C-alpha atoms as a PDB file:
ATOM      1  CA  MET A   1      -0.252  -0.129  -0.449  1.00  0.00           C
ATOM      2  CA  ALA A   2       2.058   2.201  -1.095  1.00  0.00           C
ATOM      3  CA  GLY A   3       1.101   6.115  -1.517  1.00  0.00           C
ATOM      4  CA  PHE A   4      -0.696   6.565   1.649  1.00  0.00           C
ATOM      5  CA  GLY A   5       1.489   7.127   4.591  1.00  0.00           C
ATOM      6  CA  GLY A   6       1.170  11.083   3.939  1.00  0.00           C
ATOM      7  CA  LEU A   7      -2.703  10.488   4.294  1.00  0.00           C
ATOM      8  CA  ARG A   8      -2.140   8.925   7.554  1.00  0.00           C
ATOM      9  CA  LYS A   9       0.889  12.219   8.606  1.00  0.00           C
ATOM     10  CA  GLY A  10      -2.184  14.720   7.354  1.00  0.00           C
ATOM     11  CA  ARG A  11      -4.742  12.986   9.380  1.00  0.00           C
ATOM     12  CA  GLU A  12      -2.616  12.811  12.038  1.00  0.00           C
ATOM     13  CA  GLU A  13      -1.942  17.008  11.248  1.00  0.00           C
ATOM     14  CA  ALA A  14      -5.298  17.933  11.707  1.00  0.00           C
ATOM     15  CA  LYS A  15      -5.863  16.230  14.698  1.00  0.00           C
ATOM     16  CA  ASP A  16      -3.427  17.598  16.530  1.00  0.00           C
ATOM     17  CA  ASN A  17      -4.029  21.246  14.713  1.00  0.00           C
ATOM     18  CA  LEU A  18      -7.630  20.682  15.968  1.00  0.00           C
ATOM     19  CA  SER A  19      -7.609  19.057  19.277  1.00  0.00           C
ATOM     20  CA  TYR A  20      -8.824  21.301  22.068  1.00  0.00           C
ATOM     21  CA  THR A  21      -6.776  22.337  24.957  1.00  0.00           C
ATOM     22  CA  GLU A  22      -8.192  23.458  27.914  1.00  0.00           C
ATOM     23  CA  GLY A  23      -7.760  26.915  29.729  1.00  0.00           C
ATOM     24  CA  GLY A  24      -8.602  28.625  26.798  1.00  0.00           C
ATOM     25  CA  ASP A  25     -10.478  31.406  25.137  1.00  0.00           C
ATOM     26  CA  CYS A  26     -11.419  29.956  22.238  1.00  0.00           C
ATOM     27  CA  PRO A  27     -14.909  28.072  22.338  1.00  0.00           C
ATOM     28  CA  ARG A  28     -14.133  25.378  19.379  1.00  0.00           C
ATOM     29  CA  CYS A  29     -10.396  24.673  20.268  1.00  0.00           C
ATOM     30  CA  GLY A  30      -9.015  26.446  23.458  1.00  0.00           C
ATOM     31  CA  GLY A  31      -7.316  28.940  21.663  1.00  0.00           C
ATOM     32  CA  THR A  32      -5.818  32.447  22.757  1.00  0.00           C
ATOM     33  CA  SER A  33      -8.087  35.703  22.200  1.00  0.00           C
ATOM     34  CA  GLN A  34      -6.887  38.587  20.256  1.00  0.00           C
ATOM     35  CA  ASP A  35      -9.109  41.493  18.811  1.00  0.00           C
ATOM     36  CA  SER A  36     -11.068  40.773  16.270  1.00  0.00           C
ATOM     37  CA  SER A  37     -11.305  43.318  12.559  1.00  0.00           C
ATOM     38  CA  MET A  38     -15.385  43.689  13.770  1.00  0.00           C
ATOM     39  CA  ALA A  39     -15.906  45.932  16.700  1.00  0.00           C
ATOM     40  CA  GLY A  40     -17.490  43.567  19.021  1.00  0.00           C
ATOM     41  CA  TYR A  41     -15.450  40.386  18.113  1.00  0.00           C
ATOM     42  CA  LEU A  42     -12.675  38.132  20.007  1.00  0.00           C
ATOM     43  CA  GLN A  43     -10.618  35.781  17.233  1.00  0.00           C
ATOM     44  CA  CYS A  44      -9.108  33.073  18.001  1.00  0.00           C
ATOM     45  CA  THR A  45      -5.227  33.475  17.219  1.00  0.00           C
ATOM     46  CA  ALA A  46      -5.050  28.833  16.177  1.00  0.00           C
ATOM     47  CA  CYS A  47      -8.097  28.645  14.438  1.00  0.00           C
ATOM     48  CA  ASN A  48      -9.008  31.669  13.761  1.00  0.00           C
ATOM     49  CA  HIS A  49     -12.619  31.447  14.746  1.00  0.00           C
ATOM     50  CA  GLU A  50     -14.572  34.353  16.090  1.00  0.00           C
ATOM     51  CA  TRP A  51     -17.396  35.203  18.715  1.00  0.00           C
ATOM     52  CA  PRO A  52     -18.707  38.137  20.112  1.00  0.00           C
ATOM     53  CA  ASP A  53     -16.839  39.925  23.152  1.00  0.00           C
ATOM     54  CA  PRO A  54     -19.053  38.843  26.538  1.00  0.00           C
ATOM     55  CA  ASN A  55     -16.991  42.523  27.769  1.00  0.00           C
ATOM     56  CA  HIS A  56     -17.954  44.703  24.782  1.00  0.00           C
ATOM     57  CA  THR A  57     -20.158  48.143  25.285  1.00  0.00           C
ATOM     58  CA  GLU A  58     -21.434  49.706  22.240  1.00  0.00           C
ATOM     59  CA  THR A  59     -20.209  53.425  22.545  1.00  0.00           C
ATOM     60  CA  ARG A  60     -21.694  54.591  19.289  1.00  0.00           C
ATOM     61  CA  LYS A  61     -24.478  57.002  20.372  1.00  0.00           C
ATOM     62  CA  ARG A  62     -27.579  56.870  18.077  1.00  0.00           C
ATOM     63  CA  PRO A  63     -28.884  60.088  16.941  1.00  0.00           C
ATOM     64  CA  SER A  64     -32.996  61.026  18.699  1.00  0.00           C
ATOM     65  CA  PRO A  65     -35.639  59.801  16.157  1.00  0.00           C
ATOM     66  CA  PRO A  66     -37.350  62.639  13.856  1.00  0.00           C
ATOM     67  CA  THR A  67     -39.823  64.842  15.048  1.00  0.00           C
ATOM     68  CA  HIS A  68     -41.830  67.115  13.953  1.00  0.00           C
ATOM     69  CA  ARG A  69     -40.702  70.150  15.975  1.00  0.00           C
ATOM     70  CA  ARG A  70     -36.910  68.533  14.293  1.00  0.00           C
ATOM     71  CA  ASP A  71     -38.692  68.659  10.738  1.00  0.00           C
ATOM     72  CA  ALA A  72     -39.820  72.270  11.529  1.00  0.00           C
ATOM     73  CA  GLU A  73     -36.993  74.185  12.887  1.00  0.00           C
ATOM     74  CA  MET A  74     -35.276  72.295   9.614  1.00  0.00           C
ATOM     75  CA  ILE A  75     -37.289  73.596   7.216  1.00  0.00           C
ATOM     76  CA  GLU A  76     -37.356  77.310   8.934  1.00  0.00           C
ATOM     77  CA  GLN A  77     -33.819  77.344   8.424  1.00  0.00           C
ATOM     78  CA  PHE A  78     -33.869  77.402   4.672  1.00  0.00           C
END
């Protein structure tokens, strides 16, 4: 059975790469976390899995909804 040694080696590498380690931050593999490119998310350094940051607080202030008074004031400006 020549030629299957590489396949088995690849399976072992995948098993080691995807194994779960205790004590890490990642819910998938237990790896360490870093800030993600998306605000409010964390990313695993080992498997690149992203999950919501439980300690994230929204910093963006939402504008107040439009009212007829605000519309009237804007109309009077012009």
